[in-house]
Protein backbone atom coordinates (compact mmCIF):
# COMPACT_ATOMS: atom_id res chain seq x y z
CA MET A 1 -7.61 -12.54 -19.23
CA VAL A 2 -8.70 -9.62 -16.98
CA GLU A 3 -12.55 -10.14 -15.63
CA LYS A 4 -14.93 -7.63 -16.94
CA ASP A 5 -17.44 -5.51 -14.52
CA ARG A 6 -15.43 -6.10 -11.56
CA LEU A 7 -16.53 -2.61 -10.57
CA ARG A 8 -20.16 -3.07 -11.52
CA THR A 9 -21.49 -3.06 -8.11
CA TYR A 10 -19.16 -0.12 -6.84
CA ARG A 11 -20.37 1.77 -9.84
CA GLY A 12 -23.91 1.02 -9.61
CA LYS A 13 -24.03 2.56 -5.62
CA ARG A 14 -22.59 5.86 -6.88
CA HIS A 15 -23.55 8.92 -8.83
CA PHE A 16 -20.43 10.32 -10.54
CA ASP A 17 -21.89 13.67 -11.03
CA ARG A 18 -22.57 14.54 -7.40
CA THR A 19 -19.54 12.45 -6.14
CA LYS A 20 -15.45 13.12 -6.38
CA GLU A 21 -14.72 9.33 -5.89
CA PRO A 22 -12.82 8.07 -8.86
CA ARG A 23 -14.84 5.73 -11.54
CA GLY A 24 -12.04 3.74 -12.68
CA THR A 25 -10.28 3.59 -15.96
CA GLU A 26 -11.88 1.32 -18.84
CA ASP A 27 -10.78 -0.25 -21.98
CA ALA A 28 -13.13 -0.22 -25.02
CA GLN A 29 -14.52 -3.57 -23.76
CA GLY A 30 -15.47 -2.35 -20.45
CA ALA A 31 -12.34 -4.33 -18.51
CA GLU A 32 -10.20 -2.85 -15.97
CA GLU A 33 -6.85 -1.75 -17.50
CA PRO A 34 -4.21 -3.34 -14.98
CA ARG A 35 -1.34 -1.18 -13.61
CA ASP A 36 2.27 -1.55 -15.34
CA GLN A 37 4.00 -4.42 -13.68
CA GLU A 38 6.73 -2.18 -12.95
CA GLU A 39 4.60 -0.14 -10.61
CA SER A 40 2.96 -3.01 -8.64
CA PRO A 41 5.32 -5.89 -8.70
CA ASP A 42 4.27 -9.11 -7.15
CA ASP A 43 6.25 -8.35 -4.07
CA GLY A 44 5.19 -4.59 -3.63
CA ARG A 45 1.52 -4.63 -4.36
CA HIS A 46 -0.29 -1.73 -2.62
CA PHE A 47 -2.67 -1.02 0.15
CA VAL A 48 -4.08 1.61 1.85
CA VAL A 49 -6.25 2.47 5.05
CA GLN A 50 -8.77 5.14 4.68
CA ILE A 51 -10.98 6.32 7.76
CA HIS A 52 -14.48 7.15 7.11
CA ASP A 53 -16.70 9.15 9.02
CA ALA A 54 -20.02 8.24 7.42
CA SER A 55 -23.24 7.00 9.30
CA THR A 56 -20.66 5.11 11.58
CA MET A 57 -17.34 6.14 11.77
CA HIS A 58 -14.84 3.25 10.55
CA PHE A 59 -11.79 2.42 8.62
CA ASP A 60 -11.73 1.14 5.31
CA PHE A 61 -8.91 -1.71 4.69
CA ARG A 62 -8.22 -2.24 0.95
CA LEU A 63 -5.31 -4.26 -0.64
CA GLN A 64 -4.55 -4.18 -4.37
CA VAL A 65 -5.38 -7.58 -5.96
CA ASP A 66 -4.92 -7.66 -9.71
CA ASP A 67 -6.89 -4.40 -11.24
CA VAL A 68 -9.05 -3.87 -8.12
CA LEU A 69 -8.91 -2.59 -4.28
CA LYS A 70 -10.40 -5.71 -2.36
CA SER A 71 -11.96 -3.97 0.44
CA TRP A 72 -13.13 -4.69 4.03
CA SER A 73 -14.63 -2.24 6.43
CA VAL A 74 -13.04 -2.63 9.82
CA PRO A 75 -14.90 -0.73 12.81
CA LYS A 76 -12.17 -0.35 15.09
CA GLY A 77 -9.47 -0.40 12.84
CA PRO A 78 -6.16 -2.77 12.62
CA SER A 79 -4.43 -3.55 15.65
CA ALA A 80 -0.53 -3.90 16.50
CA ASP A 81 -1.64 -6.26 18.94
CA PRO A 82 -1.92 -10.24 18.15
CA GLN A 83 -4.47 -10.92 20.81
CA ASP A 84 -6.79 -8.10 19.34
CA LYS A 85 -9.09 -9.79 16.54
CA ARG A 86 -10.51 -7.03 14.85
CA LEU A 87 -13.72 -7.48 12.60
CA ALA A 88 -13.37 -6.68 8.84
CA MET A 89 -16.89 -6.91 7.01
CA PRO A 90 -15.98 -7.25 3.04
CA THR A 91 -17.55 -4.48 0.82
CA GLU A 92 -17.87 -3.93 -3.04
CA ASP A 93 -14.07 -3.86 -4.92
CA HIS A 94 -12.97 -0.62 -5.57
CA PRO A 95 -10.86 1.04 -8.59
CA LEU A 96 -7.05 1.29 -7.92
CA GLU A 97 -7.56 4.87 -8.17
CA TYR A 98 -9.32 4.99 -4.63
CA GLU A 99 -6.21 4.77 -3.05
CA GLU A 100 -5.75 8.57 -3.42
CA PHE A 101 -9.02 9.36 -2.71
CA GLU A 102 -9.67 11.83 0.18
CA GLY A 103 -12.63 13.95 0.69
CA VAL A 104 -16.18 14.66 1.15
CA ILE A 105 -18.97 12.63 -0.05
CA ALA A 106 -22.15 14.45 -0.55
CA GLU A 107 -24.76 13.89 2.01
CA GLY A 108 -27.51 11.55 0.71
CA GLU A 109 -25.13 9.80 -1.40
CA TYR A 110 -23.97 6.24 -1.00
CA GLY A 111 -21.49 6.50 1.80
CA GLY A 112 -21.75 9.89 2.73
CA GLY A 113 -19.15 11.61 5.00
CA THR A 114 -15.44 12.59 5.00
CA VAL A 115 -12.85 10.40 4.22
CA ILE A 116 -8.66 10.74 4.83
CA VAL A 117 -5.82 8.40 3.84
CA TRP A 118 -4.69 7.07 7.10
CA ASP A 119 -1.97 4.80 6.00
CA ARG A 120 -0.70 3.58 2.60
CA GLY A 121 2.16 1.72 1.24
CA THR A 122 3.02 -1.95 -0.17
CA TYR A 123 2.36 -5.52 1.02
CA ARG A 124 3.97 -9.01 0.06
CA PRO A 125 1.65 -12.17 0.11
CA MET A 126 2.91 -14.61 2.51
CA SER A 127 0.41 -17.24 2.33
CA HIS A 128 1.71 -21.13 1.93
CA ASP A 129 0.24 -24.31 1.49
CA ARG A 130 0.89 -27.28 3.88
CA ARG A 131 4.06 -28.29 1.93
CA GLY A 132 5.25 -24.78 2.08
CA ARG A 133 4.79 -23.84 -1.27
CA PRO A 134 3.49 -20.01 -2.04
CA VAL A 135 -0.19 -19.68 -2.90
CA PRO A 136 -1.07 -16.98 -5.07
CA PHE A 137 -2.78 -14.46 -2.84
CA ASP A 138 -6.58 -14.33 -4.75
CA GLU A 139 -6.27 -17.95 -4.12
CA ALA A 140 -5.46 -17.70 -0.58
CA LEU A 141 -8.46 -15.28 -0.32
CA GLU A 142 -10.87 -17.44 -2.37
CA HIS A 143 -9.69 -20.25 0.61
CA GLY A 144 -10.51 -18.17 3.25
CA HIS A 145 -7.46 -17.23 4.88
CA ALA A 146 -4.50 -15.07 3.45
CA ARG A 147 -1.10 -13.70 5.22
CA PHE A 148 0.67 -10.54 4.18
CA TRP A 149 3.15 -8.51 5.09
CA LEU A 150 2.72 -4.30 5.32
CA ASP A 151 5.24 -1.90 4.76
CA GLY A 152 3.36 1.23 5.32
CA SER A 153 3.77 4.34 6.96
CA LYS A 154 2.14 3.40 10.13
CA LEU A 155 1.34 -0.45 9.88
CA HIS A 156 4.28 -2.82 9.62
CA GLY A 157 4.90 -6.10 9.72
CA GLY A 158 2.75 -9.39 9.14
CA TYR A 159 -1.12 -9.39 9.18
CA ALA A 160 -4.07 -12.32 8.29
CA LEU A 161 -7.35 -12.07 7.38
CA THR A 162 -9.46 -15.05 8.19
CA ARG A 163 -13.13 -15.80 6.91
CA PHE A 164 -15.74 -16.82 9.30
CA ARG A 165 -19.32 -16.60 9.09
CA GLY A 166 -20.95 -13.72 10.67
CA GLY A 167 -24.87 -14.54 11.16
CA ASP A 168 -26.39 -14.12 7.77
CA ARG A 169 -23.40 -12.16 6.34
CA GLU A 170 -19.79 -13.23 5.36
CA ALA A 171 -17.28 -11.71 7.77
CA TRP A 172 -13.45 -12.06 8.51
CA LEU A 173 -11.01 -11.28 10.86
CA LEU A 174 -7.85 -8.97 10.54
CA VAL A 175 -5.26 -9.98 13.09
CA LYS A 176 -1.78 -8.98 13.75
CA THR A 177 0.49 -12.09 13.32
CA ASP A 178 3.34 -12.42 16.27
CA ASP A 179 6.41 -11.11 14.80
CA GLU A 180 8.92 -8.53 15.51
CA ARG A 181 6.77 -5.74 14.10
CA ALA A 182 3.90 -6.62 17.00
CA ARG A 183 3.01 -4.59 19.91
CA PRO A 184 1.31 -6.71 22.42
CA GLY A 185 -1.16 -4.87 24.60
CA ASP A 186 -0.97 -1.64 22.41
CA PRO A 187 -3.84 -1.60 19.52
CA GLY A 188 -1.68 1.31 17.62
CA THR A 189 -4.91 2.60 16.27
CA PRO A 190 -5.79 5.89 17.24
CA ASP A 191 -9.04 8.22 17.72
CA PRO A 192 -9.68 8.76 14.43
CA ARG A 193 -11.18 12.27 14.85
CA ARG A 194 -7.74 13.05 15.68
CA ALA A 195 -5.72 10.87 13.06
CA ARG A 196 -4.05 12.62 10.58
CA SER A 197 -3.80 11.99 6.74
CA VAL A 198 -0.44 10.22 5.45
CA ARG A 199 -1.56 12.17 2.28
CA SER A 200 -2.43 15.79 3.20
CA GLY A 201 -1.49 15.75 6.94
CA ARG A 202 -5.27 16.78 7.72
CA THR A 203 -7.66 15.57 10.15
CA LEU A 204 -11.18 14.82 9.28
CA ARG A 205 -12.45 18.02 10.53
CA GLN A 206 -9.79 19.84 8.66
CA VAL A 207 -11.22 17.97 5.19
CA ALA A 208 -14.77 18.31 6.13
CA ARG A 209 -14.26 22.24 6.47
CA GLU A 210 -12.03 22.90 3.41
CA GLU A 211 -13.90 21.00 1.16
């Protein structure tokens, strides 16, 4: 059964009469409607990486898990170097429609600033237990270590998210696995102010100017 109110925190932080961000679809009971299985099979779930020029510049890394996008704020963005461990701070679940969001969040609103879709594509869960048996992705995240394979426009290959305790807050590390798509010594993350959207080809500055 689909959990209710998975987007309560997301919606509680936003005024949808002032922001263009998607509210997320609801059924009569208030639960999220999952995507058609043909659109997101188990071996091709969606992911998106957005650059967010808010109070601090950062990358938002989001993975489709059931009917929401599980989200992390990655200050330096994903790296293609397995030796480069990137801090990833968990944020609230976002609606699936957020995968397409690109625009300007009004000043004074939560997350006020400009957003572009830096990369998007599909991912495949790769977590296994000690006996080599597949572990459901949501269960792997709950246990604090999840491996997955990205097939995006810019990001490719295996990655892992690992939870640790960073002071008083939960924190994770996003790390590239050492596979054929790894690029040791090359972080693969561009200057965010020069980066272009895979959705529109625009930079942050162009989006801010045009919207």
